[in-house]
Amino acid sequence: MSRAVLSIGANLGDRLANLRSVLDELGERALAVSPVYTTAPWGGVDQDDYLNAVVVAEDPSFDDYAWLRFGQELEQAAGRVRAVRWGARTLDVDVVQCTDDTGTPLARDTDPNLILPHPQAHNRAFVLVPWLAVEPAARLLVDGVEVPVADLLDGLDPAERAGVVRTDLALCDESVPPC
């Protein structure tokens, strides 16, 4: 496995710097970086709005668990505290989907520490909107079937989609790939 779609978000501290820390650590492994979006918090916990983005990355030495560990290490470095489910966080790095060298998405549902693809990605506009911005033909494995991300987004409540608002913020120099 070598390719991962990572959803990143932050709503505590220097949100933009926390998101940029992911790109700093990925370096040349980052293939594509979405624009930055602002979104209301998800999950019913009273908190500030999030900044969200998606990064597509590749590392032939990484398997799905390496991507999970990578994200968790970045969260820890940003001072993330896991006190309240769906609570505020300095950095959240979710592995949305991993694919192997042939581009085949990995399905994993027996390990509670890592379920792939992310079990709620298809329901979350704050994941789908940024992902489509960098991969318009993206497909997500849902119940064993690859579904166009655009179709999944179209199936969401219009208010959910409208709640993902593009900002003028950037995670990197937009004139230089992967931005």
Protein backbone atom coordinates (compact mmCIF):
# COMPACT_ATOMS: atom_id res chain seq x y z
CA MET A 1 0.00 0.00 0.00
CA SER A 2 1.37 3.36 -0.81
CA ARG A 3 -1.32 6.01 -1.28
CA ALA A 4 -3.58 7.63 1.31
CA VAL A 5 -6.28 10.26 1.38
CA LEU A 6 -5.97 12.17 4.64
CA SER A 7 -8.66 14.48 6.01
CA ILE A 8 -7.14 17.09 8.31
CA GLY A 9 -8.89 19.52 10.60
CA ALA A 10 -8.27 21.84 13.53
CA ASN A 11 -10.32 24.18 15.70
CA LEU A 12 -7.99 24.96 18.61
CA GLY A 13 -4.82 27.00 18.78
CA ASP A 14 -3.19 28.19 15.58
CA ARG A 15 -5.46 26.17 13.33
CA LEU A 16 -3.68 27.00 10.09
CA ALA A 17 -0.23 26.27 11.51
CA ASN A 18 -1.49 22.95 12.85
CA LEU A 19 -2.78 21.98 9.40
CA ARG A 20 0.46 23.14 7.79
CA SER A 21 2.41 20.87 10.15
CA VAL A 22 0.96 17.90 8.27
CA LEU A 23 2.41 19.16 4.99
CA ASP A 24 5.72 19.96 6.65
CA GLU A 25 6.02 16.35 7.82
CA LEU A 26 4.82 14.86 4.54
CA GLY A 27 7.25 16.85 2.44
CA GLU A 28 7.52 15.40 -1.06
CA ARG A 29 5.11 12.59 -0.17
CA ALA A 30 2.23 15.08 -0.55
CA LEU A 31 0.77 14.67 -4.04
CA ALA A 32 -2.20 17.04 -3.77
CA VAL A 33 -3.46 19.54 -1.22
CA SER A 34 -6.98 20.93 -1.21
CA PRO A 35 -7.96 24.49 -0.48
CA VAL A 36 -8.77 25.24 3.16
CA TYR A 37 -12.43 25.23 4.17
CA THR A 38 -14.22 26.37 7.29
CA THR A 39 -16.93 24.16 8.71
CA ALA A 40 -19.18 24.04 11.72
CA PRO A 41 -18.26 21.34 14.26
CA TRP A 42 -19.75 17.92 13.72
CA GLY A 43 -21.10 15.73 16.50
CA GLY A 44 -23.12 18.04 18.74
CA VAL A 45 -20.35 19.31 21.02
CA ASP A 46 -20.33 23.10 21.53
CA GLN A 47 -17.03 24.39 20.08
CA ASP A 48 -15.49 26.76 17.55
CA ASP A 49 -15.54 26.17 13.79
CA TYR A 50 -12.94 24.01 12.10
CA LEU A 51 -10.50 24.58 9.33
CA ASN A 52 -10.48 21.48 7.10
CA ALA A 53 -8.53 20.23 4.11
CA VAL A 54 -7.64 17.00 2.34
CA VAL A 55 -4.15 15.85 1.46
CA VAL A 56 -3.41 13.02 -0.94
CA ALA A 57 -0.06 11.44 -0.14
CA GLU A 58 2.07 8.57 -1.31
CA ASP A 59 4.85 6.57 0.31
CA PRO A 60 5.64 3.07 -0.96
CA SER A 61 7.13 2.16 2.42
CA PHE A 62 3.86 2.93 4.26
CA ASP A 63 1.02 0.50 4.77
CA ASP A 64 -2.35 1.52 6.19
CA TYR A 65 -1.15 1.21 9.79
CA ALA A 66 1.88 3.40 9.03
CA TRP A 67 -0.49 6.12 7.77
CA LEU A 68 -2.53 5.76 10.98
CA ARG A 69 0.59 6.03 13.16
CA PHE A 70 1.80 9.00 11.11
CA GLY A 71 -1.47 10.85 11.74
CA GLN A 72 -1.51 10.00 15.43
CA GLU A 73 2.08 11.20 15.87
CA LEU A 74 1.20 14.51 14.21
CA GLU A 75 -1.85 14.89 16.46
CA GLN A 76 0.29 14.26 19.54
CA ALA A 77 2.94 16.74 18.37
CA ALA A 78 0.17 19.35 18.02
CA GLY A 79 -0.95 18.69 21.60
CA ARG A 80 -4.19 16.91 20.81
CA VAL A 81 -6.10 15.71 23.85
CA ARG A 82 -8.77 13.03 23.41
CA ALA A 83 -11.05 13.98 26.29
CA VAL A 84 -14.44 14.33 24.57
CA ARG A 85 -15.66 12.35 21.57
CA TRP A 86 -16.12 14.77 18.65
CA GLY A 87 -14.69 17.48 20.87
CA ALA A 88 -12.43 20.38 20.00
CA ARG A 89 -8.94 19.51 18.80
CA THR A 90 -5.67 21.12 17.87
CA LEU A 91 -5.29 18.65 15.01
CA ASP A 92 -7.29 15.76 13.63
CA VAL A 93 -5.76 13.52 10.96
CA ASP A 94 -8.13 10.87 9.60
CA VAL A 95 -7.10 8.21 7.13
CA VAL A 96 -10.04 8.31 4.74
CA GLN A 97 -8.86 5.71 2.24
CA CYS A 98 -5.70 3.80 1.39
CA THR A 99 -4.94 2.16 -1.93
CA ASP A 100 -2.31 -0.35 -2.88
CA ASP A 101 0.21 -0.08 -5.70
CA THR A 102 -2.46 -1.03 -8.25
CA GLY A 103 -4.87 1.67 -7.05
CA THR A 104 -7.18 -0.85 -5.39
CA PRO A 105 -8.77 0.57 -2.22
CA LEU A 106 -8.18 -1.38 0.96
CA ALA A 107 -11.19 -2.55 2.92
CA ARG A 108 -10.59 -3.23 6.59
CA ASP A 109 -13.44 -3.65 9.05
CA THR A 110 -12.30 -6.08 11.74
CA ASP A 111 -9.87 -3.84 13.64
CA PRO A 112 -11.56 -1.10 15.71
CA ASN A 113 -8.31 0.92 15.65
CA LEU A 114 -8.37 1.26 11.87
CA ILE A 115 -11.47 0.87 9.73
CA LEU A 116 -10.98 1.56 6.04
CA PRO A 117 -12.29 3.35 4.26
CA HIS A 118 -13.17 5.73 7.08
CA PRO A 119 -16.66 4.55 8.12
CA GLN A 120 -18.27 8.00 8.05
CA ALA A 121 -16.38 9.67 5.18
CA HIS A 122 -19.29 9.16 2.78
CA ASN A 123 -21.55 11.16 5.14
CA ARG A 124 -19.25 14.12 5.72
CA ALA A 125 -19.22 17.04 3.34
CA PHE A 126 -16.14 18.44 5.11
CA VAL A 127 -14.26 15.41 3.74
CA LEU A 128 -15.92 15.07 0.34
CA VAL A 129 -15.82 18.73 -0.76
CA PRO A 130 -12.05 19.19 -0.25
CA TRP A 131 -11.32 15.76 -1.72
CA LEU A 132 -13.23 16.60 -4.90
CA ALA A 133 -11.31 19.87 -5.16
CA VAL A 134 -8.07 17.91 -5.68
CA GLU A 135 -9.43 14.74 -7.30
CA PRO A 136 -12.61 15.40 -9.30
CA ALA A 137 -12.80 11.74 -10.34
CA ALA A 138 -12.26 10.41 -6.80
CA ARG A 139 -14.06 7.24 -5.81
CA LEU A 140 -14.72 5.95 -2.30
CA LEU A 141 -15.34 2.33 -1.40
CA VAL A 142 -18.80 2.15 0.23
CA ASP A 143 -20.19 -1.24 1.22
CA GLY A 144 -17.70 -2.94 -1.10
CA VAL A 145 -18.55 -0.80 -4.15
CA GLU A 146 -16.48 2.10 -5.47
CA VAL A 147 -18.79 5.11 -5.68
CA PRO A 148 -17.88 8.47 -7.23
CA VAL A 149 -17.29 10.98 -4.45
CA ALA A 150 -19.30 13.52 -6.48
CA ASP A 151 -22.32 11.21 -6.27
CA LEU A 152 -21.87 10.79 -2.52
CA LEU A 153 -21.70 14.55 -2.09
CA ASP A 154 -24.80 15.06 -4.24
CA GLY A 155 -26.65 12.65 -1.93
CA LEU A 156 -25.98 14.72 1.18
CA ASP A 157 -28.38 17.27 2.59
CA PRO A 158 -27.89 20.62 0.82
CA ALA A 159 -27.37 22.34 4.19
CA GLU A 160 -24.51 19.93 4.94
CA ARG A 161 -22.84 20.79 1.63
CA ALA A 162 -23.44 24.53 2.08
CA GLY A 163 -21.75 24.39 5.48
CA VAL A 164 -18.37 23.71 3.86
CA VAL A 165 -17.10 27.17 2.90
CA ARG A 166 -13.87 27.74 1.02
CA THR A 167 -11.54 30.27 2.65
CA ASP A 168 -8.76 32.43 1.23
CA LEU A 169 -6.27 30.57 3.42
CA ALA A 170 -3.70 28.24 1.88
CA LEU A 171 -1.64 25.44 3.32
CA CYS A 172 1.19 26.02 0.88
CA ASP A 173 2.30 28.21 -2.00
CA GLU A 174 -0.45 27.68 -4.56
CA SER A 175 1.97 28.29 -7.44
CA VAL A 176 4.05 25.26 -6.46
CA PRO A 177 2.81 21.65 -6.62
CA PRO A 178 1.20 19.92 -4.80
CA CYS A 179 -1.02 22.95 -4.04
